[in-house]
Amino acid sequence: HPANVHVLRERVPCGPCHREICPLTGERHHVCMKSIEPDAIARAA
């Protein structure tokens, strides 16, 4: 991708899994996305 594309991701024990629906429950459910902080998005933007 071009240099002006900023990819935000957090390393999590279960990922990257490439699953369409997260099979985990509780605090681990969808943790790959929930770990991306809103302030980090604002700084990158």
PDB file of all heavy atoms in Angstrom:
ATOM      1  N   HIS A   1       0.837  -1.195   0.000  1.00  0.00           N
ATOM      2  CA  HIS A   1       0.000   0.000   0.000  1.00  0.00           C
ATOM      3  C   HIS A   1       0.874   1.249   0.000  1.00  0.00           C
ATOM      4  O   HIS A   1       2.068   1.193   0.333  1.00  0.00           O
ATOM      5  CB  HIS A   1      -0.954   0.003   1.195  1.00  0.00           C
ATOM      6  CG  HIS A   1      -0.279  -0.188   2.519  1.00  0.00           C
ATOM      7  ND1 HIS A   1       0.570   0.755   3.077  1.00  0.00           N
ATOM      8  CD2 HIS A   1      -0.313  -1.214   3.405  1.00  0.00           C
ATOM      9  CE1 HIS A   1       1.011   0.321   4.242  1.00  0.00           C
ATOM     10  NE2 HIS A   1       0.500  -0.876   4.469  1.00  0.00           N
ATOM     11  N   PRO A   2       0.301   2.418  -0.357  1.00  0.00           N
ATOM     12  CA  PRO A   2       1.072   3.663  -0.372  1.00  0.00           C
ATOM     13  C   PRO A   2       1.541   4.062   1.027  1.00  0.00           C
ATOM     14  O   PRO A   2       1.037   3.563   2.047  1.00  0.00           O
ATOM     15  CB  PRO A   2       0.075   4.687  -0.933  1.00  0.00           C
ATOM     16  CG  PRO A   2      -0.978   3.886  -1.610  1.00  0.00           C
ATOM     17  CD  PRO A   2      -1.066   2.598  -0.871  1.00  0.00           C
ATOM     18  N   ALA A   3       2.488   4.994   1.056  1.00  0.00           N
ATOM     19  CA  ALA A   3       3.063   5.421   2.331  1.00  0.00           C
ATOM     20  C   ALA A   3       2.056   6.176   3.191  1.00  0.00           C
ATOM     21  O   ALA A   3       2.237   6.267   4.412  1.00  0.00           O
ATOM     22  CB  ALA A   3       4.289   6.299   2.074  1.00  0.00           C
ATOM     23  N   ASN A   4       0.993   6.720   2.574  1.00  0.00           N
ATOM     24  CA  ASN A   4       0.026   7.496   3.358  1.00  0.00           C
ATOM     25  C   ASN A   4      -1.086   6.617   3.942  1.00  0.00           C
ATOM     26  O   ASN A   4      -2.120   7.127   4.377  1.00  0.00           O
ATOM     27  CB  ASN A   4      -0.580   8.623   2.517  1.00  0.00           C
ATOM     28  CG  ASN A   4      -1.366   8.122   1.318  1.00  0.00           C
ATOM     29  OD1 ASN A   4      -1.460   6.919   1.077  1.00  0.00           O
ATOM     30  ND2 ASN A   4      -1.928   9.040   0.559  1.00  0.00           N
ATOM     31  N   VAL A   5      -0.890   5.312   3.945  1.00  0.00           N
ATOM     32  CA  VAL A   5      -1.825   4.391   4.593  1.00  0.00           C
ATOM     33  C   VAL A   5      -1.232   3.979   5.935  1.00  0.00           C
ATOM     34  O   VAL A   5      -0.134   3.434   6.001  1.00  0.00           O
ATOM     35  CB  VAL A   5      -2.083   3.150   3.722  1.00  0.00           C
ATOM     36  CG1 VAL A   5      -2.930   2.136   4.482  1.00  0.00           C
ATOM     37  CG2 VAL A   5      -2.781   3.555   2.427  1.00  0.00           C
ATOM     38  N   HIS A   6      -1.971   4.275   7.012  1.00  0.00           N
ATOM     39  CA  HIS A   6      -1.511   3.986   8.367  1.00  0.00           C
ATOM     40  C   HIS A   6      -2.352   2.840   8.916  1.00  0.00           C
ATOM     41  O   HIS A   6      -3.562   2.992   9.123  1.00  0.00           O
ATOM     42  CB  HIS A   6      -1.670   5.234   9.248  1.00  0.00           C
ATOM     43  CG  HIS A   6      -0.970   5.121  10.566  1.00  0.00           C
ATOM     44  ND1 HIS A   6      -0.237   6.142  11.118  1.00  0.00           N
ATOM     45  CD2 HIS A   6      -0.883   4.101  11.440  1.00  0.00           C
ATOM     46  CE1 HIS A   6       0.258   5.749  12.280  1.00  0.00           C
ATOM     47  NE2 HIS A   6      -0.130   4.509  12.495  1.00  0.00           N
ATOM     48  N   VAL A   7      -1.731   1.678   9.124  1.00  0.00           N
ATOM     49  CA  VAL A   7      -2.440   0.496   9.616  1.00  0.00           C
ATOM     50  C   VAL A   7      -2.300   0.412  11.129  1.00  0.00           C
ATOM     51  O   VAL A   7      -1.193   0.410  11.660  1.00  0.00           O
ATOM     52  CB  VAL A   7      -1.891  -0.790   8.969  1.00  0.00           C
ATOM     53  CG1 VAL A   7      -2.595  -2.019   9.545  1.00  0.00           C
ATOM     54  CG2 VAL A   7      -2.068  -0.743   7.460  1.00  0.00           C
ATOM     55  N   LEU A   8      -3.444   0.347  11.817  1.00  0.00           N
ATOM     56  CA  LEU A   8      -3.464   0.194  13.270  1.00  0.00           C
ATOM     57  C   LEU A   8      -3.895  -1.222  13.621  1.00  0.00           C
ATOM     58  O   LEU A   8      -4.936  -1.698  13.154  1.00  0.00           O
ATOM     59  CB  LEU A   8      -4.434   1.197  13.905  1.00  0.00           C
ATOM     60  CG  LEU A   8      -4.083   2.680  13.781  1.00  0.00           C
ATOM     61  CD1 LEU A   8      -5.166   3.525  14.436  1.00  0.00           C
ATOM     62  CD2 LEU A   8      -2.737   2.973  14.413  1.00  0.00           C
ATOM     63  N   ARG A   9      -3.097  -1.885  14.421  1.00  0.00           N
ATOM     64  CA  ARG A   9      -3.452  -3.222  14.885  1.00  0.00           C
ATOM     65  C   ARG A   9      -2.752  -3.469  16.206  1.00  0.00           C
ATOM     66  O   ARG A   9      -1.750  -2.825  16.524  1.00  0.00           O
ATOM     67  CB  ARG A   9      -3.047  -4.295  13.870  1.00  0.00           C
ATOM     68  CG  ARG A   9      -1.554  -4.424  13.670  1.00  0.00           C
ATOM     69  CD  ARG A   9      -1.219  -5.484  12.627  1.00  0.00           C
ATOM     70  NE  ARG A   9      -1.636  -6.812  13.020  1.00  0.00           N
ATOM     71  CZ  ARG A   9      -0.868  -7.646  13.727  1.00  0.00           C
ATOM     72  NH1 ARG A   9       0.341  -7.273  14.134  1.00  0.00           N
ATOM     73  NH2 ARG A   9      -1.294  -8.847  14.036  1.00  0.00           N
ATOM     74  N   GLU A  10      -3.325  -4.379  16.982  1.00  0.00           N
ATOM     75  CA  GLU A  10      -2.732  -4.776  18.251  1.00  0.00           C
ATOM     76  C   GLU A  10      -2.452  -6.275  18.216  1.00  0.00           C
ATOM     77  O   GLU A  10      -3.280  -7.059  17.752  1.00  0.00           O
ATOM     78  CB  GLU A  10      -3.680  -4.439  19.416  1.00  0.00           C
ATOM     79  CG  GLU A  10      -3.882  -2.952  19.638  1.00  0.00           C
ATOM     80  CD  GLU A  10      -2.624  -2.238  20.116  1.00  0.00           C
ATOM     81  OE1 GLU A  10      -1.796  -2.897  20.805  1.00  0.00           O
ATOM     82  OE2 GLU A  10      -2.457  -1.055  19.809  1.00  0.00           O
ATOM     83  N   ARG A  11      -1.297  -6.655  18.705  1.00  0.00           N
ATOM     84  CA  ARG A  11      -0.963  -8.075  18.765  1.00  0.00           C
ATOM     85  C   ARG A  11      -1.772  -8.729  19.884  1.00  0.00           C
ATOM     86  O   ARG A  11      -1.759  -8.270  21.026  1.00  0.00           O
ATOM     87  CB  ARG A  11       0.532  -8.248  19.014  1.00  0.00           C
ATOM     88  CG  ARG A  11       1.403  -7.685  17.902  1.00  0.00           C
ATOM     89  CD  ARG A  11       2.871  -7.817  18.258  1.00  0.00           C
ATOM     90  NE  ARG A  11       3.294  -9.212  18.275  1.00  0.00           N
ATOM     91  CZ  ARG A  11       3.800  -9.864  17.229  1.00  0.00           C
ATOM     92  NH1 ARG A  11       3.923  -9.242  16.071  1.00  0.00           N
ATOM     93  NH2 ARG A  11       4.173 -11.122  17.334  1.00  0.00           N
ATOM     94  N   VAL A  12      -2.472  -9.798  19.556  1.00  0.00           N
ATOM     95  CA  VAL A  12      -3.262 -10.527  20.534  1.00  0.00           C
ATOM     96  C   VAL A  12      -2.939 -12.015  20.400  1.00  0.00           C
ATOM     97  O   VAL A  12      -2.578 -12.490  19.308  1.00  0.00           O
ATOM     98  CB  VAL A  12      -4.777 -10.289  20.336  1.00  0.00           C
ATOM     99  CG1 VAL A  12      -5.138  -8.830  20.618  1.00  0.00           C
ATOM    100  CG2 VAL A  12      -5.212 -10.658  18.915  1.00  0.00           C
ATOM    101  N   PRO A  13      -3.070 -12.792  21.484  1.00  0.00           N
ATOM    102  CA  PRO A  13      -2.690 -14.208  21.434  1.00  0.00           C
ATOM    103  C   PRO A  13      -3.483 -15.028  20.421  1.00  0.00           C
ATOM    104  O   PRO A  13      -2.980 -16.016  19.889  1.00  0.00           O
ATOM    105  CB  PRO A  13      -2.963 -14.697  22.860  1.00  0.00           C
ATOM    106  CG  PRO A  13      -2.929 -13.465  23.700  1.00  0.00           C
ATOM    107  CD  PRO A  13      -3.451 -12.357  22.840  1.00  0.00           C
ATOM    108  N   CYS A  14      -4.714 -14.611  20.127  1.00  0.00           N
ATOM    109  CA  CYS A  14      -5.584 -15.410  19.264  1.00  0.00           C
ATOM    110  C   CYS A  14      -5.536 -14.996  17.800  1.00  0.00           C
ATOM    111  O   CYS A  14      -6.264 -15.565  16.974  1.00  0.00           O
ATOM    112  CB  CYS A  14      -7.022 -15.319  19.758  1.00  0.00           C
ATOM    113  SG  CYS A  14      -7.615 -13.621  19.959  1.00  0.00           S
ATOM    114  N   GLY A  15      -4.722 -13.996  17.466  1.00  0.00           N
ATOM    115  CA  GLY A  15      -4.788 -13.507  16.106  1.00  0.00           C
ATOM    116  C   GLY A  15      -3.446 -13.415  15.423  1.00  0.00           C
ATOM    117  O   GLY A  15      -2.407 -13.579  16.064  1.00  0.00           O
ATOM    118  N   PRO A  16      -3.500 -13.150  14.124  1.00  0.00           N
ATOM    119  CA  PRO A  16      -4.701 -13.001  13.290  1.00  0.00           C
ATOM    120  C   PRO A  16      -5.330 -14.358  12.948  1.00  0.00           C
ATOM    121  O   PRO A  16      -4.631 -15.290  12.578  1.00  0.00           O
ATOM    122  CB  PRO A  16      -4.170 -12.313  12.033  1.00  0.00           C
ATOM    123  CG  PRO A  16      -2.737 -12.726  11.964  1.00  0.00           C
ATOM    124  CD  PRO A  16      -2.261 -12.876  13.372  1.00  0.00           C
ATOM    125  N   CYS A  17      -6.635 -14.440  13.076  1.00  0.00           N
ATOM    126  CA  CYS A  17      -7.319 -15.731  12.953  1.00  0.00           C
ATOM    127  C   CYS A  17      -8.048 -15.910  11.629  1.00  0.00           C
ATOM    128  O   CYS A  17      -8.376 -17.022  11.246  1.00  0.00           O
ATOM    129  CB  CYS A  17      -8.326 -15.894  14.095  1.00  0.00           C
ATOM    130  SG  CYS A  17      -9.722 -14.741  14.003  1.00  0.00           S
ATOM    131  N   HIS A  18      -8.396 -14.807  10.949  1.00  0.00           N
ATOM    132  CA  HIS A  18      -9.110 -14.828   9.672  1.00  0.00           C
ATOM    133  C   HIS A  18     -10.515 -15.419   9.784  1.00  0.00           C
ATOM    134  O   HIS A  18     -11.098 -15.841   8.786  1.00  0.00           O
ATOM    135  CB  HIS A  18      -8.315 -15.588   8.607  1.00  0.00           C
ATOM    136  CG  HIS A  18      -7.072 -14.889   8.189  1.00  0.00           C
ATOM    137  ND1 HIS A  18      -7.035 -13.959   7.190  1.00  0.00           N
ATOM    138  CD2 HIS A  18      -5.811 -14.957   8.681  1.00  0.00           C
ATOM    139  CE1 HIS A  18      -5.810 -13.497   7.051  1.00  0.00           C
ATOM    140  NE2 HIS A  18      -5.039 -14.076   7.957  1.00  0.00           N
ATOM    141  N   ARG A  19     -11.060 -15.449  10.970  1.00  0.00           N
ATOM    142  CA  ARG A  19     -12.433 -15.935  11.135  1.00  0.00           C
ATOM    143  C   ARG A  19     -13.427 -14.818  10.839  1.00  0.00           C
ATOM    144  O   ARG A  19     -13.181 -13.651  11.135  1.00  0.00           O
ATOM    145  CB  ARG A  19     -12.652 -16.452  12.556  1.00  0.00           C
ATOM    146  CG  ARG A  19     -11.878 -17.732  12.887  1.00  0.00           C
ATOM    147  CD  ARG A  19     -12.113 -18.097  14.338  1.00  0.00           C
ATOM    148  NE  ARG A  19     -11.428 -19.313  14.730  1.00  0.00           N
ATOM    149  CZ  ARG A  19     -11.968 -20.515  14.701  1.00  0.00           C
ATOM    150  NH1 ARG A  19     -13.211 -20.663  14.309  1.00  0.00           N
ATOM    151  NH2 ARG A  19     -11.272 -21.577  15.080  1.00  0.00           N
ATOM    152  N   GLU A  20     -14.565 -15.205  10.296  1.00  0.00           N
ATOM    153  CA  GLU A  20     -15.615 -14.233  10.009  1.00  0.00           C
ATOM    154  C   GLU A  20     -16.357 -13.833  11.277  1.00  0.00           C
ATOM    155  O   GLU A  20     -16.759 -12.681  11.435  1.00  0.00           O
ATOM    156  CB  GLU A  20     -16.605 -14.813   8.989  1.00  0.00           C
ATOM    157  CG  GLU A  20     -17.830 -13.950   8.724  1.00  0.00           C
ATOM    158  CD  GLU A  20     -17.502 -12.560   8.196  1.00  0.00           C
ATOM    159  OE1 GLU A  20     -16.451 -12.387   7.570  1.00  0.00           O
ATOM    160  OE2 GLU A  20     -18.301 -11.625   8.430  1.00  0.00           O
ATOM    161  N   ILE A  21     -16.535 -14.761  12.210  1.00  0.00           N
ATOM    162  CA  ILE A  21     -17.209 -14.494  13.482  1.00  0.00           C
ATOM    163  C   ILE A  21     -16.293 -14.957  14.604  1.00  0.00           C
ATOM    164  O   ILE A  21     -15.765 -16.075  14.571  1.00  0.00           O
ATOM    165  CB  ILE A  21     -18.569 -15.208  13.556  1.00  0.00           C
ATOM    166  CG1 ILE A  21     -19.507 -14.671  12.465  1.00  0.00           C
ATOM    167  CG2 ILE A  21     -19.204 -15.024  14.937  1.00  0.00           C
ATOM    168  CD1 ILE A  21     -20.850 -15.364  12.418  1.00  0.00           C
ATOM    169  N   CYS A  22     -16.108 -14.116  15.601  1.00  0.00           N
ATOM    170  CA  CYS A  22     -15.217 -14.453  16.708  1.00  0.00           C
ATOM    171  C   CYS A  22     -15.852 -15.538  17.577  1.00  0.00           C
ATOM    172  O   CYS A  22     -16.982 -15.372  18.069  1.00  0.00           O
ATOM    173  CB  CYS A  22     -14.923 -13.209  17.550  1.00  0.00           C
ATOM    174  SG  CYS A  22     -13.833 -13.536  18.965  1.00  0.00           S
ATOM    175  N   PRO A  23     -15.145 -16.664  17.802  1.00  0.00           N
ATOM    176  CA  PRO A  23     -15.716 -17.749  18.597  1.00  0.00           C
ATOM    177  C   PRO A  23     -15.502 -17.568  20.097  1.00  0.00           C
ATOM    178  O   PRO A  23     -16.047 -18.347  20.892  1.00  0.00           O
ATOM    179  CB  PRO A  23     -14.950 -18.977  18.096  1.00  0.00           C
ATOM    180  CG  PRO A  23     -13.596 -18.430  17.754  1.00  0.00           C
ATOM    181  CD  PRO A  23     -13.835 -17.030  17.230  1.00  0.00           C
ATOM    182  N   LEU A  24     -14.726 -16.567  20.502  1.00  0.00           N
ATOM    183  CA  LEU A  24     -14.394 -16.386  21.909  1.00  0.00           C
ATOM    184  C   LEU A  24     -15.514 -15.655  22.641  1.00  0.00           C
ATOM    185  O   LEU A  24     -16.349 -14.975  22.028  1.00  0.00           O
ATOM    186  CB  LEU A  24     -13.077 -15.618  22.050  1.00  0.00           C
ATOM    187  CG  LEU A  24     -11.870 -16.233  21.331  1.00  0.00           C
ATOM    188  CD1 LEU A  24     -10.632 -15.368  21.518  1.00  0.00           C
ATOM    189  CD2 LEU A  24     -11.618 -17.655  21.838  1.00  0.00           C
ATOM    190  N   THR A  25     -15.511 -15.769  23.950  1.00  0.00           N
ATOM    191  CA  THR A  25     -16.541 -15.141  24.766  1.00  0.00           C
ATOM    192  C   THR A  25     -15.912 -14.272  25.839  1.00  0.00           C
ATOM    193  O   THR A  25     -14.699 -14.284  26.048  1.00  0.00           O
ATOM    194  CB  THR A  25     -17.429 -16.219  25.427  1.00  0.00           C
ATOM    195  OG1 THR A  25     -16.596 -17.064  26.234  1.00  0.00           O
ATOM    196  CG2 THR A  25     -18.138 -17.047  24.382  1.00  0.00           C
ATOM    197  N   GLY A  26     -16.767 -13.517  26.524  1.00  0.00           N
ATOM    198  CA  GLY A  26     -16.296 -12.691  27.632  1.00  0.00           C
ATOM    199  C   GLY A  26     -15.346 -11.599  27.182  1.00  0.00           C
ATOM    200  O   GLY A  26     -15.509 -11.019  26.099  1.00  0.00           O
ATOM    201  N   GLU A  27     -14.340 -11.324  27.993  1.00  0.00           N
ATOM    202  CA  GLU A  27     -13.410 -10.239  27.693  1.00  0.00           C
ATOM    203  C   GLU A  27     -12.558 -10.533  26.463  1.00  0.00           C
ATOM    204  O   GLU A  27     -12.013  -9.613  25.849  1.00  0.00           O
ATOM    205  CB  GLU A  27     -12.503  -9.981  28.902  1.00  0.00           C
ATOM    206  CG  GLU A  27     -13.244  -9.437  30.120  1.00  0.00           C
ATOM    207  CD  GLU A  27     -12.291  -9.122  31.257  1.00  0.00           C
ATOM    208  OE1 GLU A  27     -11.070  -9.394  31.101  1.00  0.00           O
ATOM    209  OE2 GLU A  27     -12.756  -8.605  32.293  1.00  0.00           O
ATOM    210  N   ARG A  28     -12.429 -11.792  26.096  1.00  0.00           N
ATOM    211  CA  ARG A  28     -11.607 -12.148  24.935  1.00  0.00           C
ATOM    212  C   ARG A  28     -12.348 -11.975  23.610  1.00  0.00           C
ATOM    213  O   ARG A  28     -11.735 -11.995  22.547  1.00  0.00           O
ATOM    214  CB  ARG A  28     -11.125 -13.587  25.052  1.00  0.00           C
ATOM    215  CG  ARG A  28     -10.205 -13.846  26.239  1.00  0.00           C
ATOM    216  CD  ARG A  28      -9.646 -15.262  26.165  1.00  0.00           C
ATOM    217  NE  ARG A  28     -10.727 -16.254  26.163  1.00  0.00           N
ATOM    218  CZ  ARG A  28     -10.580 -17.521  25.776  1.00  0.00           C
ATOM    219  NH1 ARG A  28      -9.389 -17.936  25.355  1.00  0.00           N
ATOM    220  NH2 ARG A  28     -11.587 -18.362  25.820  1.00  0.00           N
ATOM    221  N   HIS A  29     -13.673 -11.796  23.675  1.00  0.00           N
ATOM    222  CA  HIS A  29     -14.455 -11.682  22.456  1.00  0.00           C
ATOM    223  C   HIS A  29     -14.050 -10.434  21.670  1.00  0.00           C
ATOM    224  O   HIS A  29     -14.062  -9.320  22.194  1.00  0.00           O
ATOM    225  CB  HIS A  29     -15.954 -11.619  22.780  1.00  0.00           C
ATOM    226  CG  HIS A  29     -16.820 -11.490  21.558  1.00  0.00           C
ATOM    227  ND1 HIS A  29     -17.012 -12.524  20.670  1.00  0.00           N
ATOM    228  CD2 HIS A  29     -17.528 -10.429  21.077  1.00  0.00           C
ATOM    229  CE1 HIS A  29     -17.811 -12.118  19.698  1.00  0.00           C
ATOM    230  NE2 HIS A  29     -18.131 -10.857  19.918  1.00  0.00           N
ATOM    231  N   HIS A  30     -13.678 -10.638  20.418  1.00  0.00           N
ATOM    232  CA  HIS A  30     -13.354  -9.538  19.496  1.00  0.00           C
ATOM    233  C   HIS A  30     -12.242  -8.644  20.052  1.00  0.00           C
ATOM    234  O   HIS A  30     -12.203  -7.448  19.781  1.00  0.00           O
ATOM    235  CB  HIS A  30     -14.603  -8.705  19.221  1.00  0.00           C
ATOM    236  CG  HIS A  30     -14.610  -8.099  17.855  1.00  0.00           C
ATOM    237  ND1 HIS A  30     -15.586  -7.223  17.448  1.00  0.00           N
ATOM    238  CD2 HIS A  30     -13.764  -8.229  16.792  1.00  0.00           C
ATOM    239  CE1 HIS A  30     -15.352  -6.843  16.199  1.00  0.00           C
ATOM    240  NE2 HIS A  30     -14.255  -7.449  15.789  1.00  0.00           N
ATOM    241  N   VAL A  31     -11.314  -9.239  20.804  1.00  0.00           N
ATOM    242  CA  VAL A  31     -10.284  -8.449  21.476  1.00  0.00           C
ATOM    243  C   VAL A  31      -9.342  -7.783  20.479  1.00  0.00           C
ATOM    244  O   VAL A  31      -8.759  -6.735  20.772  1.00  0.00           O
ATOM    245  CB  VAL A  31      -9.503  -9.339  22.471  1.00  0.00           C
ATOM    246  CG1 VAL A  31      -8.680 -10.391  21.739  1.00  0.00           C
ATOM    247  CG2 VAL A  31      -8.617  -8.500  23.361  1.00  0.00           C
ATOM    248  N   CYS A  32      -9.181  -8.366  19.276  1.00  0.00           N
ATOM    249  CA  CYS A  32      -8.271  -7.774  18.290  1.00  0.00           C
ATOM    250  C   CYS A  32      -8.715  -6.372  17.892  1.00  0.00           C
ATOM    251  O   CYS A  32      -7.878  -5.477  17.690  1.00  0.00           O
ATOM    252  CB  CYS A  32      -8.160  -8.669  17.055  1.00  0.00           C
ATOM    253  SG  CYS A  32      -9.725  -9.012  16.217  1.00  0.00           S
ATOM    254  N   MET A  33     -10.021  -6.160  17.769  1.00  0.00           N
ATOM    255  CA  MET A  33     -10.533  -4.840  17.416  1.00  0.00           C
ATOM    256  C   MET A  33     -10.724  -3.960  18.649  1.00  0.00           C
ATOM    257  O   MET A  33     -10.427  -2.764  18.627  1.00  0.00           O
ATOM    258  CB  MET A  33     -11.861  -4.963  16.656  1.00  0.00           C
ATOM    259  CG  MET A  33     -11.696  -5.295  15.191  1.00  0.00           C
ATOM    260  SD  MET A  33     -10.773  -4.025  14.296  1.00  0.00           S
ATOM    261  CE  MET A  33     -11.374  -4.236  12.644  1.00  0.00           C
ATOM    262  N   LYS A  34     -11.205  -4.545  19.733  1.00  0.00           N
ATOM    263  CA  LYS A  34     -11.443  -3.758  20.941  1.00  0.00           C
ATOM    264  C   LYS A  34     -10.150  -3.205  21.530  1.00  0.00           C
ATOM    265  O   LYS A  34     -10.176  -2.230  22.301  1.00  0.00           O
ATOM    266  CB  LYS A  34     -12.158  -4.612  21.991  1.00  0.00           C
ATOM    267  CG  LYS A  34     -13.588  -4.974  21.622  1.00  0.00           C
ATOM    268  CD  LYS A  34     -14.215  -5.861  22.683  1.00  0.00           C
ATOM    269  CE  LYS A  34     -15.652  -6.228  22.346  1.00  0.00           C
ATOM    270  NZ  LYS A  34     -16.237  -7.152  23.348  1.00  0.00           N
ATOM    271  N   SER A  35      -9.015  -3.797  21.180  1.00  0.00           N
ATOM    272  CA  SER A  35      -7.733  -3.336  21.713  1.00  0.00           C
ATOM    273  C   SER A  35      -7.214  -2.087  21.017  1.00  0.00           C
ATOM    274  O   SER A  35      -6.275  -1.447  21.497  1.00  0.00           O
ATOM    275  CB  SER A  35      -6.680  -4.457  21.601  1.00  0.00           C
ATOM    276  OG  SER A  35      -7.046  -5.576  22.374  1.00  0.00           O
ATOM    277  N   ILE A  36      -7.793  -1.724  19.876  1.00  0.00           N
ATOM    278  CA  ILE A  36      -7.371  -0.514  19.170  1.00  0.00           C
ATOM    279  C   ILE A  36      -8.016   0.686  19.853  1.00  0.00           C
ATOM    280  O   ILE A  36      -9.246   0.808  19.887  1.00  0.00           O
ATOM    281  CB  ILE A  36      -7.777  -0.570  17.687  1.00  0.00           C
ATOM    282  CG1 ILE A  36      -7.136  -1.778  17.014  1.00  0.00           C
ATOM    283  CG2 ILE A  36      -7.361   0.712  16.970  1.00  0.00           C
ATOM    284  CD1 ILE A  36      -7.560  -1.987  15.571  1.00  0.00           C
ATOM    285  N   GLU A  37      -7.192   1.554  20.429  1.00  0.00           N
ATOM    286  CA  GLU A  37      -7.702   2.672  21.216  1.00  0.00           C
ATOM    287  C   GLU A  37      -8.194   3.812  20.331  1.00  0.00           C
ATOM    288  O   GLU A  37      -7.543   4.166  19.347  1.00  0.00           O
ATOM    289  CB  GLU A  37      -6.616   3.187  22.155  1.00  0.00           C
ATOM    290  CG  GLU A  37      -6.222   2.208  23.254  1.00  0.00           C
ATOM    291  CD  GLU A  37      -7.380   1.949  24.206  1.00  0.00           C
ATOM    292  OE1 GLU A  37      -8.254   2.830  24.329  1.00  0.00           O
ATOM    293  OE2 GLU A  37      -7.410   0.859  24.814  1.00  0.00           O
ATOM    294  N   PRO A  38      -9.331   4.420  20.674  1.00  0.00           N
ATOM    295  CA  PRO A  38      -9.831   5.570  19.917  1.00  0.00           C
ATOM    296  C   PRO A  38      -8.814   6.697  19.796  1.00  0.00           C
ATOM    297  O   PRO A  38      -8.713   7.339  18.745  1.00  0.00           O
ATOM    298  CB  PRO A  38     -11.061   6.004  20.723  1.00  0.00           C
ATOM    299  CG  PRO A  38     -11.554   4.738  21.365  1.00  0.00           C
ATOM    300  CD  PRO A  38     -10.312   3.979  21.705  1.00  0.00           C
ATOM    301  N   ASP A  39      -8.043   6.954  20.863  1.00  0.00           N
ATOM    302  CA  ASP A  39      -7.044   8.022  20.795  1.00  0.00           C
ATOM    303  C   ASP A  39      -5.958   7.705  19.773  1.00  0.00           C
ATOM    304  O   ASP A  39      -5.415   8.614  19.129  1.00  0.00           O
ATOM    305  CB  ASP A  39      -6.405   8.249  22.170  1.00  0.00           C
ATOM    306  CG  ASP A  39      -7.340   8.964  23.132  1.00  0.00           C
ATOM    307  OD1 ASP A  39      -8.335   9.561  22.650  1.00  0.00           O
ATOM    308  OD2 ASP A  39      -7.106   8.915  24.348  1.00  0.00           O
ATOM    309  N   ALA A  40      -5.625   6.427  19.606  1.00  0.00           N
ATOM    310  CA  ALA A  40      -4.629   6.046  18.600  1.00  0.00           C
ATOM    311  C   ALA A  40      -5.151   6.330  17.191  1.00  0.00           C
ATOM    312  O   ALA A  40      -4.399   6.762  16.306  1.00  0.00           O
ATOM    313  CB  ALA A  40      -4.272   4.571  18.746  1.00  0.00           C
ATOM    314  N   ILE A  41      -6.443   6.109  16.989  1.00  0.00           N
ATOM    315  CA  ILE A  41      -7.062   6.418  15.696  1.00  0.00           C
ATOM    316  C   ILE A  41      -7.008   7.922  15.441  1.00  0.00           C
ATOM    317  O   ILE A  41      -6.665   8.375  14.340  1.00  0.00           O
ATOM    318  CB  ILE A  41      -8.509   5.909  15.661  1.00  0.00           C
ATOM    319  CG1 ILE A  41      -8.543   4.396  15.855  1.00  0.00           C
ATOM    320  CG2 ILE A  41      -9.197   6.310  14.360  1.00  0.00           C
ATOM    321  CD1 ILE A  41      -9.938   3.818  16.025  1.00  0.00           C
ATOM    322  N   ALA A  42      -7.304   8.703  16.465  1.00  0.00           N
ATOM    323  CA  ALA A  42      -7.287  10.164  16.328  1.00  0.00           C
ATOM    324  C   ALA A  42      -5.882  10.665  16.009  1.00  0.00           C
ATOM    325  O   ALA A  42      -5.705  11.558  15.166  1.00  0.00           O
ATOM    326  CB  ALA A  42      -7.819  10.820  17.594  1.00  0.00           C
ATOM    327  N   ARG A  43      -4.867  10.101  16.656  1.00  0.00           N
ATOM    328  CA  ARG A  43      -3.495  10.539  16.394  1.00  0.00           C
ATOM    329  C   ARG A  43      -3.075  10.188  14.962  1.00  0.00           C
ATOM    330  O   ARG A  43      -2.432  11.002  14.275  1.00  0.00           O
ATOM    331  CB  ARG A  43      -2.536   9.882  17.400  1.00  0.00           C
ATOM    332  CG  ARG A  43      -2.649  10.432  18.803  1.00  0.00           C
ATOM    333  CD  ARG A  43      -1.472   9.964  19.657  1.00  0.00           C
ATOM    334  NE  ARG A  43      -1.458   8.512  19.822  1.00  0.00           N
ATOM    335  CZ  ARG A  43      -2.075   7.859  20.809  1.00  0.00           C
ATOM    336  NH1 ARG A  43      -2.764   8.537  21.719  1.00  0.00           N
ATOM    337  NH2 ARG A  43      -1.994   6.549  20.902  1.00  0.00           N
ATOM    338  N   ALA A  44      -3.443   8.982  14.516  1.00  0.00           N
ATOM    339  CA  ALA A  44      -3.088   8.579  13.155  1.00  0.00           C
ATOM    340  C   ALA A  44      -3.810   9.441  12.125  1.00  0.00           C
ATOM    341  O   ALA A  44      -3.232   9.827  11.091  1.00  0.00           O
ATOM    342  CB  ALA A  44      -3.422   7.106  12.939  1.00  0.00           C
ATOM    343  N   ALA A  45      -5.084   9.769  12.385  1.00  0.00           N
ATOM    344  CA  ALA A  45      -5.843  10.610  11.470  1.00  0.00           C
ATOM    345  C   ALA A  45      -5.229  11.997  11.371  1.00  0.00           C
ATOM    346  O   ALA A  45      -5.051  12.546  10.265  1.00  0.00           O
ATOM    347  CB  ALA A  45      -7.295  10.688  11.921  1.00  0.00           C
TER     348      ALA A  45
END
